Amino acid sequence: MAAPARGGLLLVSISHSLSGVCPLDSLIKTVAVIRVEDAAAAGATTLTTDTIDLASYRADGVLFVAGIAALTAGTATLQAQHSDDDSTYTAVGSGAAVTTAQEDAAVDLLANGKRYVQATLTRSDASIACNGIYAIVYRCGNLPVTQPATTTVESVVNP
């Protein structure tokens, strides 16, 4: 599949067809929303998210979003990583750095055939707390996307 034009923070492929059902009738049918790291109390440790196997979604993109709850000093840096074997991970890009509390860091990774992805949140100061890290898996080949059991979804149409 050719890559669609890029723009904005989230890229969603719309070149799929589901027996006449347009995948744009609900974004949640075209992406998977996964909590990959729970909230973490303040600390100067590096958090490593759960691994996502993109093959299970036939997907090629993931947007990681980390909520920074508290930060009085230092930097919180969200970094994407990829792997062919779920053993050796390579950092991709320079990461998204946050230096203010109540801000979010987001990293959009186009995996280009790498099967496994994860992210790390490096916290350089003991004052940095995280509200959790989410992954939005997109460019999925299996439509509609089945959400993980830990994600509850409601689709609403405005009357």
N, C-alpha and C. Protein backbone atom coordinates (compact mmCIF):
# COMPACT_ATOMS: atom_id res chain seq x y z
N MET A 1 0.84 -1.17 0.00
CA MET A 1 0.00 0.00 0.00
C MET A 1 0.89 1.23 0.00
N ALA A 2 0.61 2.19 -0.84
CA ALA A 2 1.37 3.43 -0.88
C ALA A 2 1.06 4.27 0.35
N ALA A 3 2.06 4.96 0.84
CA ALA A 3 1.87 5.79 2.03
C ALA A 3 1.03 7.01 1.67
N PRO A 4 0.00 7.31 2.46
CA PRO A 4 -0.79 8.49 2.21
C PRO A 4 0.02 9.74 2.56
N ALA A 5 -0.43 10.89 2.09
CA ALA A 5 0.24 12.15 2.39
C ALA A 5 0.27 12.36 3.89
N ARG A 6 1.37 12.91 4.38
CA ARG A 6 1.53 13.13 5.81
C ARG A 6 1.15 14.55 6.15
N GLY A 7 0.57 14.71 7.31
CA GLY A 7 0.22 16.04 7.77
C GLY A 7 -0.43 15.94 9.12
N GLY A 8 -0.16 16.88 9.99
CA GLY A 8 -0.73 16.86 11.33
C GLY A 8 -0.04 15.82 12.20
N LEU A 9 -0.60 15.58 13.35
CA LEU A 9 0.01 14.70 14.33
C LEU A 9 -0.31 13.24 14.10
N LEU A 10 -1.50 12.94 13.61
CA LEU A 10 -1.92 11.55 13.46
C LEU A 10 -2.22 11.26 12.00
N LEU A 11 -1.62 10.22 11.49
CA LEU A 11 -1.81 9.81 10.10
C LEU A 11 -2.65 8.55 10.09
N VAL A 12 -3.76 8.56 9.39
CA VAL A 12 -4.62 7.40 9.31
C VAL A 12 -4.83 7.07 7.84
N SER A 13 -4.57 5.84 7.46
CA SER A 13 -4.77 5.42 6.09
C SER A 13 -6.26 5.23 5.85
N ILE A 14 -6.76 5.79 4.76
CA ILE A 14 -8.19 5.66 4.46
C ILE A 14 -8.41 4.92 3.15
N SER A 15 -7.42 4.17 2.71
CA SER A 15 -7.53 3.51 1.42
C SER A 15 -8.11 2.10 1.52
N HIS A 16 -8.82 1.79 2.59
CA HIS A 16 -9.41 0.47 2.78
C HIS A 16 -10.91 0.50 2.47
N SER A 17 -11.43 -0.64 2.14
CA SER A 17 -12.86 -0.77 1.91
C SER A 17 -13.37 -1.98 2.66
N LEU A 18 -14.51 -1.85 3.33
CA LEU A 18 -15.11 -2.94 4.09
C LEU A 18 -16.50 -3.22 3.56
N SER A 19 -16.60 -3.96 2.52
CA SER A 19 -17.91 -4.32 1.98
C SER A 19 -18.83 -3.13 1.90
N GLY A 20 -18.31 -2.02 1.39
CA GLY A 20 -19.13 -0.83 1.23
C GLY A 20 -19.20 0.06 2.44
N VAL A 21 -18.64 -0.34 3.58
CA VAL A 21 -18.67 0.50 4.77
C VAL A 21 -17.43 1.37 4.77
N CYS A 22 -17.62 2.65 4.81
CA CYS A 22 -16.49 3.58 4.81
C CYS A 22 -15.82 3.56 6.18
N PRO A 23 -14.49 3.32 6.25
CA PRO A 23 -13.82 3.27 7.54
C PRO A 23 -13.81 4.61 8.26
N LEU A 24 -14.17 5.69 7.57
CA LEU A 24 -14.19 7.00 8.21
C LEU A 24 -15.44 7.23 9.05
N ASP A 25 -16.38 6.29 9.06
CA ASP A 25 -17.56 6.52 9.87
C ASP A 25 -17.22 6.50 11.35
N SER A 26 -16.04 6.00 11.72
CA SER A 26 -15.58 6.03 13.11
C SER A 26 -14.08 5.77 13.13
N LEU A 27 -13.32 6.67 13.69
CA LEU A 27 -11.88 6.51 13.78
C LEU A 27 -11.51 5.25 14.55
N ILE A 28 -12.30 4.91 15.57
CA ILE A 28 -11.98 3.77 16.43
C ILE A 28 -12.00 2.45 15.66
N LYS A 29 -12.61 2.42 14.48
CA LYS A 29 -12.62 1.21 13.65
C LYS A 29 -11.33 1.07 12.84
N THR A 30 -10.51 2.12 12.80
CA THR A 30 -9.31 2.11 11.98
C THR A 30 -8.02 2.17 12.78
N VAL A 31 -8.11 2.35 14.09
CA VAL A 31 -6.93 2.40 14.95
C VAL A 31 -7.15 1.54 16.18
N ALA A 32 -6.06 1.15 16.83
CA ALA A 32 -6.14 0.47 18.12
C ALA A 32 -5.59 1.42 19.18
N VAL A 33 -6.31 1.56 20.29
CA VAL A 33 -5.87 2.41 21.40
C VAL A 33 -5.45 1.49 22.54
N ILE A 34 -4.17 1.59 22.92
CA ILE A 34 -3.61 0.65 23.89
C ILE A 34 -2.86 1.41 24.98
N ARG A 35 -3.20 1.15 26.25
CA ARG A 35 -2.38 1.69 27.34
C ARG A 35 -1.17 0.77 27.45
N VAL A 36 0.01 1.32 27.21
CA VAL A 36 1.22 0.50 27.19
C VAL A 36 2.09 0.71 28.44
N GLU A 37 1.73 1.69 29.25
CA GLU A 37 2.45 1.90 30.53
C GLU A 37 1.50 2.59 31.49
N ASP A 38 1.36 2.03 32.68
CA ASP A 38 0.51 2.62 33.70
C ASP A 38 1.14 3.89 34.27
N ALA A 39 0.36 4.63 35.02
CA ALA A 39 0.88 5.83 35.69
C ALA A 39 2.03 5.44 36.60
N ALA A 40 2.98 6.36 36.75
CA ALA A 40 4.15 6.10 37.59
C ALA A 40 4.39 7.29 38.50
N ALA A 41 4.63 7.00 39.77
CA ALA A 41 4.94 8.05 40.75
C ALA A 41 6.24 8.74 40.36
N ALA A 42 6.47 9.88 40.96
CA ALA A 42 7.67 10.66 40.68
C ALA A 42 8.91 9.81 40.88
N GLY A 43 9.86 9.96 39.97
CA GLY A 43 11.10 9.20 40.06
C GLY A 43 12.01 9.54 38.89
N ALA A 44 13.28 9.26 39.06
CA ALA A 44 14.28 9.54 38.02
C ALA A 44 14.66 8.25 37.30
N THR A 45 13.69 7.41 37.04
CA THR A 45 13.93 6.15 36.34
C THR A 45 13.44 6.24 34.90
N THR A 46 13.84 5.28 34.10
CA THR A 46 13.35 5.18 32.73
C THR A 46 12.23 4.15 32.71
N LEU A 47 11.08 4.55 32.15
CA LEU A 47 9.94 3.65 31.99
C LEU A 47 10.00 3.06 30.59
N THR A 48 9.81 1.75 30.49
CA THR A 48 9.76 1.08 29.19
C THR A 48 8.37 0.50 29.02
N THR A 49 7.72 0.83 27.93
CA THR A 49 6.35 0.40 27.70
C THR A 49 6.29 -1.08 27.34
N ASP A 50 5.06 -1.59 27.35
CA ASP A 50 4.81 -2.92 26.79
C ASP A 50 5.16 -2.88 25.31
N THR A 51 5.53 -4.03 24.78
CA THR A 51 5.83 -4.15 23.35
C THR A 51 4.55 -4.34 22.57
N ILE A 52 4.48 -3.74 21.39
CA ILE A 52 3.36 -3.94 20.48
C ILE A 52 3.86 -4.73 19.28
N ASP A 53 3.18 -5.83 18.97
CA ASP A 53 3.47 -6.62 17.78
C ASP A 53 2.58 -6.08 16.66
N LEU A 54 3.15 -5.27 15.78
CA LEU A 54 2.36 -4.64 14.72
C LEU A 54 1.79 -5.66 13.74
N ALA A 55 2.38 -6.85 13.67
CA ALA A 55 1.88 -7.88 12.76
C ALA A 55 0.47 -8.32 13.15
N SER A 56 0.15 -8.26 14.43
CA SER A 56 -1.18 -8.69 14.85
C SER A 56 -2.28 -7.75 14.35
N TYR A 57 -1.92 -6.53 13.98
CA TYR A 57 -2.87 -5.57 13.42
C TYR A 57 -2.64 -5.37 11.92
N ARG A 58 -1.58 -6.04 11.38
CA ARG A 58 -1.12 -5.76 10.02
C ARG A 58 -0.94 -4.25 9.87
N ALA A 59 -0.27 -3.65 10.86
CA ALA A 59 -0.13 -2.19 10.92
C ALA A 59 1.31 -1.77 10.66
N ASP A 60 1.47 -0.49 10.37
CA ASP A 60 2.79 0.05 10.09
C ASP A 60 3.06 1.37 10.81
N GLY A 61 2.15 1.82 11.65
CA GLY A 61 2.37 3.09 12.34
C GLY A 61 1.85 3.05 13.76
N VAL A 62 2.52 3.81 14.61
CA VAL A 62 2.07 3.92 16.00
C VAL A 62 2.42 5.31 16.52
N LEU A 63 1.48 5.88 17.23
CA LEU A 63 1.67 7.17 17.90
C LEU A 63 1.70 6.91 19.39
N PHE A 64 2.84 7.18 20.03
CA PHE A 64 2.96 7.05 21.48
C PHE A 64 2.69 8.42 22.11
N VAL A 65 1.89 8.45 23.20
CA VAL A 65 1.59 9.69 23.90
C VAL A 65 1.77 9.46 25.39
N ALA A 66 2.64 10.27 26.01
CA ALA A 66 2.89 10.19 27.45
C ALA A 66 2.40 11.46 28.12
N GLY A 67 1.62 11.29 29.18
CA GLY A 67 1.15 12.43 29.97
C GLY A 67 2.09 12.67 31.14
N ILE A 68 2.64 13.86 31.22
CA ILE A 68 3.55 14.19 32.31
C ILE A 68 2.74 14.92 33.38
N ALA A 69 2.62 14.29 34.55
CA ALA A 69 1.79 14.82 35.62
C ALA A 69 2.52 15.87 36.43
N ALA A 70 3.68 15.53 36.94
CA ALA A 70 4.45 16.44 37.79
C ALA A 70 5.86 16.54 37.23
N LEU A 71 6.41 17.75 37.32
CA LEU A 71 7.77 17.98 36.87
C LEU A 71 8.19 19.35 37.41
N THR A 72 9.11 19.36 38.37
CA THR A 72 9.59 20.64 38.90
C THR A 72 11.01 20.94 38.43
N ALA A 73 11.71 19.94 37.93
CA ALA A 73 13.06 20.12 37.40
C ALA A 73 13.34 19.00 36.41
N GLY A 74 14.27 19.23 35.51
CA GLY A 74 14.68 18.19 34.59
C GLY A 74 13.82 18.09 33.35
N THR A 75 13.96 16.96 32.66
CA THR A 75 13.30 16.73 31.38
C THR A 75 12.75 15.31 31.32
N ALA A 76 11.57 15.18 30.75
CA ALA A 76 10.99 13.87 30.46
C ALA A 76 11.03 13.70 28.94
N THR A 77 11.72 12.65 28.47
CA THR A 77 11.89 12.44 27.04
C THR A 77 11.28 11.11 26.61
N LEU A 78 10.31 11.19 25.70
CA LEU A 78 9.66 10.01 25.15
C LEU A 78 10.38 9.62 23.87
N GLN A 79 10.82 8.37 23.77
CA GLN A 79 11.61 7.88 22.65
C GLN A 79 11.00 6.61 22.09
N ALA A 80 10.77 6.54 20.80
CA ALA A 80 10.27 5.33 20.16
C ALA A 80 11.42 4.39 19.85
N GLN A 81 11.12 3.09 19.88
CA GLN A 81 12.11 2.06 19.55
C GLN A 81 11.45 1.01 18.67
N HIS A 82 12.25 0.35 17.82
CA HIS A 82 11.71 -0.73 17.00
C HIS A 82 12.66 -1.92 16.99
N SER A 83 12.11 -3.09 16.58
CA SER A 83 12.89 -4.32 16.60
C SER A 83 12.33 -5.30 15.57
N ASP A 84 13.21 -6.12 15.03
CA ASP A 84 12.79 -7.20 14.14
C ASP A 84 12.47 -8.47 14.91
N ASP A 85 13.09 -8.63 16.10
CA ASP A 85 13.03 -9.91 16.81
C ASP A 85 12.46 -9.84 18.23
N ASP A 86 11.99 -8.69 18.68
CA ASP A 86 11.47 -8.49 20.03
C ASP A 86 12.53 -8.77 21.09
N SER A 87 13.78 -8.59 20.71
CA SER A 87 14.88 -8.82 21.64
C SER A 87 15.83 -7.62 21.65
N THR A 88 16.27 -7.21 20.49
CA THR A 88 17.19 -6.08 20.35
C THR A 88 16.42 -4.90 19.79
N TYR A 89 16.32 -3.84 20.59
CA TYR A 89 15.58 -2.65 20.18
C TYR A 89 16.53 -1.51 19.83
N THR A 90 16.13 -0.73 18.81
CA THR A 90 16.91 0.42 18.35
C THR A 90 16.07 1.67 18.51
N ALA A 91 16.64 2.71 19.13
CA ALA A 91 15.95 3.99 19.27
C ALA A 91 15.80 4.63 17.89
N VAL A 92 14.66 5.29 17.69
CA VAL A 92 14.36 5.96 16.43
C VAL A 92 14.13 7.44 16.73
N GLY A 93 14.83 8.30 16.03
CA GLY A 93 14.66 9.74 16.23
C GLY A 93 15.33 10.20 17.51
N SER A 94 15.10 11.47 17.84
CA SER A 94 15.73 12.06 19.02
C SER A 94 14.80 12.13 20.22
N GLY A 95 13.53 11.83 20.04
CA GLY A 95 12.57 11.85 21.15
C GLY A 95 11.89 13.19 21.32
N ALA A 96 10.78 13.17 22.03
CA ALA A 96 10.02 14.38 22.34
C ALA A 96 10.26 14.72 23.81
N ALA A 97 10.80 15.90 24.07
CA ALA A 97 11.19 16.30 25.43
C ALA A 97 10.19 17.29 26.01
N VAL A 98 9.83 17.07 27.27
CA VAL A 98 8.91 17.94 28.00
C VAL A 98 9.64 18.48 29.22
N THR A 99 9.49 19.78 29.48
CA THR A 99 10.15 20.41 30.63
C THR A 99 9.16 21.11 31.56
N THR A 100 7.86 20.89 31.33
CA THR A 100 6.82 21.54 32.13
C THR A 100 5.78 20.50 32.54
N ALA A 101 5.32 20.59 33.77
CA ALA A 101 4.27 19.68 34.25
C ALA A 101 2.98 19.88 33.48
N GLN A 102 2.15 18.86 33.46
CA GLN A 102 0.84 18.88 32.82
C GLN A 102 0.94 19.07 31.32
N GLU A 103 2.01 18.59 30.72
CA GLU A 103 2.15 18.60 29.26
C GLU A 103 2.27 17.16 28.79
N ASP A 104 2.09 16.96 27.50
CA ASP A 104 2.18 15.63 26.91
C ASP A 104 3.35 15.58 25.94
N ALA A 105 3.96 14.42 25.84
CA ALA A 105 4.99 14.16 24.84
C ALA A 105 4.41 13.16 23.86
N ALA A 106 4.59 13.38 22.57
CA ALA A 106 4.07 12.47 21.55
C ALA A 106 5.16 12.17 20.53
N VAL A 107 5.25 10.89 20.17
CA VAL A 107 6.18 10.45 19.13
C VAL A 107 5.40 9.60 18.14
N ASP A 108 5.45 9.98 16.88
CA ASP A 108 4.75 9.27 15.81
C ASP A 108 5.78 8.46 15.03
N LEU A 109 5.64 7.14 15.04
CA LEU A 109 6.61 6.25 14.41
C LEU A 109 5.98 5.51 13.24
N LEU A 110 6.53 5.71 12.05
CA LEU A 110 6.17 4.89 10.90
C LEU A 110 7.19 3.77 10.87
N ALA A 111 6.76 2.55 11.15
CA ALA A 111 7.67 1.45 11.43
C ALA A 111 8.40 0.91 10.21
N ASN A 112 7.90 1.16 9.01
CA ASN A 112 8.56 0.71 7.78
C ASN A 112 8.98 -0.76 7.82
N GLY A 113 8.04 -1.61 8.21
CA GLY A 113 8.29 -3.04 8.19
C GLY A 113 8.84 -3.64 9.47
N LYS A 114 9.23 -2.82 10.43
CA LYS A 114 9.69 -3.36 11.71
C LYS A 114 8.48 -3.93 12.44
N ARG A 115 8.59 -5.14 12.93
CA ARG A 115 7.43 -5.82 13.50
C ARG A 115 7.09 -5.36 14.91
N TYR A 116 8.10 -5.14 15.75
CA TYR A 116 7.87 -4.84 17.16
C TYR A 116 8.25 -3.39 17.47
N VAL A 117 7.42 -2.74 18.28
CA VAL A 117 7.70 -1.36 18.69
C VAL A 117 7.42 -1.21 20.18
N GLN A 118 8.12 -0.27 20.78
CA GLN A 118 7.89 0.11 22.17
C GLN A 118 8.41 1.53 22.33
N ALA A 119 8.24 2.08 23.51
CA ALA A 119 8.77 3.42 23.79
C ALA A 119 9.39 3.43 25.18
N THR A 120 10.27 4.39 25.38
CA THR A 120 10.83 4.63 26.70
C THR A 120 10.55 6.07 27.09
N LEU A 121 10.35 6.28 28.37
CA LEU A 121 10.22 7.64 28.91
C LEU A 121 11.35 7.81 29.91
N THR A 122 12.34 8.61 29.53
CA THR A 122 13.48 8.87 30.40
C THR A 122 13.17 10.09 31.25
N ARG A 123 13.23 9.90 32.57
CA ARG A 123 12.93 10.99 33.51
C ARG A 123 14.24 11.37 34.20
N SER A 124 14.72 12.60 33.92
CA SER A 124 16.04 13.01 34.40
C SER A 124 16.04 13.54 35.83
N ASP A 125 14.87 13.68 36.44
CA ASP A 125 14.80 14.22 37.80
C ASP A 125 13.76 13.44 38.60
N ALA A 126 13.99 13.30 39.89
CA ALA A 126 13.09 12.53 40.77
C ALA A 126 11.72 13.17 40.93
N SER A 127 11.53 14.40 40.45
CA SER A 127 10.23 15.08 40.58
C SER A 127 9.26 14.73 39.46
N ILE A 128 9.67 13.93 38.49
CA ILE A 128 8.86 13.70 37.29
C ILE A 128 7.94 12.49 37.47
N ALA A 129 6.63 12.74 37.41
CA ALA A 129 5.62 11.69 37.48
C ALA A 129 4.90 11.61 36.13
N CYS A 130 4.42 10.40 35.82
CA CYS A 130 3.78 10.16 34.53
C CYS A 130 2.34 9.69 34.74
N ASN A 131 1.41 10.24 33.95
CA ASN A 131 0.00 9.82 34.01
C ASN A 131 -0.25 8.52 33.25
N GLY A 132 0.76 8.02 32.57
CA GLY A 132 0.62 6.81 31.75
C GLY A 132 1.02 7.10 30.33
N ILE A 133 1.26 6.03 29.58
CA ILE A 133 1.64 6.15 28.17
C ILE A 133 0.66 5.32 27.35
N TYR A 134 0.14 5.92 26.28
CA TYR A 134 -0.78 5.25 25.37
C TYR A 134 -0.15 5.13 24.00
N ALA A 135 -0.56 4.11 23.28
CA ALA A 135 -0.16 3.92 21.89
C ALA A 135 -1.42 3.89 21.03
N ILE A 136 -1.38 4.60 19.93
CA ILE A 136 -2.45 4.55 18.94
C ILE A 136 -1.84 3.91 17.70
N VAL A 137 -2.26 2.68 17.43
CA VAL A 137 -1.74 1.92 16.30
C VAL A 137 -2.61 2.25 15.08
N TYR A 138 -1.94 2.63 13.98
CA TYR A 138 -2.70 3.03 12.79
C TYR A 138 -2.09 2.42 11.53
N ARG A 139 -2.69 2.71 10.40
CA ARG A 139 -2.34 2.08 9.12
C ARG A 139 -2.52 0.57 9.24
N CYS A 140 -3.66 0.20 9.83
CA CYS A 140 -3.96 -1.21 10.08
C CYS A 140 -4.56 -1.86 8.83
N GLY A 141 -4.13 -3.07 8.55
CA GLY A 141 -4.68 -3.81 7.41
C GLY A 141 -5.88 -4.64 7.79
N ASN A 142 -6.06 -4.92 9.08
CA ASN A 142 -7.21 -5.70 9.54
C ASN A 142 -8.29 -4.73 10.00
N LEU A 143 -9.28 -4.50 9.15
CA LEU A 143 -10.36 -3.58 9.49
C LEU A 143 -11.68 -4.34 9.53
N PRO A 144 -12.60 -3.99 10.42
CA PRO A 144 -12.40 -3.01 11.49
C PRO A 144 -11.44 -3.56 12.55
N VAL A 145 -10.75 -2.66 13.22
CA VAL A 145 -9.79 -3.03 14.25
C VAL A 145 -10.52 -3.49 15.50
N THR A 146 -10.10 -4.61 16.05
CA THR A 146 -10.62 -5.09 17.32
C THR A 146 -9.77 -4.49 18.43
N GLN A 147 -10.41 -3.76 19.34
CA GLN A 147 -9.68 -3.12 20.43
C GLN A 147 -9.25 -4.15 21.47
N PRO A 148 -8.14 -3.88 22.17
CA PRO A 148 -7.73 -4.78 23.24
C PRO A 148 -8.82 -4.89 24.31
N ALA A 149 -8.82 -5.97 25.05
CA ALA A 149 -9.83 -6.19 26.09
C ALA A 149 -9.78 -5.10 27.16
N THR A 150 -8.66 -4.42 27.31
CA THR A 150 -8.51 -3.39 28.33
C THR A 150 -9.02 -2.02 27.86
N THR A 151 -9.51 -1.93 26.63
CA THR A 151 -10.02 -0.67 26.09
C THR A 151 -11.52 -0.79 25.88
N THR A 152 -12.27 0.06 26.54
CA THR A 152 -13.72 0.10 26.39
C THR A 152 -14.07 1.25 25.44
N VAL A 153 -14.90 0.97 24.45
CA VAL A 153 -15.19 1.93 23.39
C VAL A 153 -16.68 2.22 23.33
N GLU A 154 -17.01 3.45 23.08
CA GLU A 154 -18.37 3.84 22.74
C GLU A 154 -18.30 4.72 21.51
N SER A 155 -19.03 4.37 20.47
CA SER A 155 -19.14 5.20 19.28
C SER A 155 -20.50 5.88 19.32
N VAL A 156 -20.50 7.19 19.18
CA VAL A 156 -21.73 7.97 19.29
C VAL A 156 -21.93 8.78 18.03
N VAL A 157 -23.17 8.84 17.56
CA VAL A 157 -23.52 9.68 16.42
C VAL A 157 -24.41 10.80 16.95
N ASN A 158 -24.02 12.02 16.67
CA ASN A 158 -24.81 13.17 17.12
C ASN A 158 -26.17 13.16 16.41
N PRO A 159 -27.25 13.24 17.18
CA PRO A 159 -28.59 13.21 16.55
C PRO A 159 -28.88 14.44 15.73
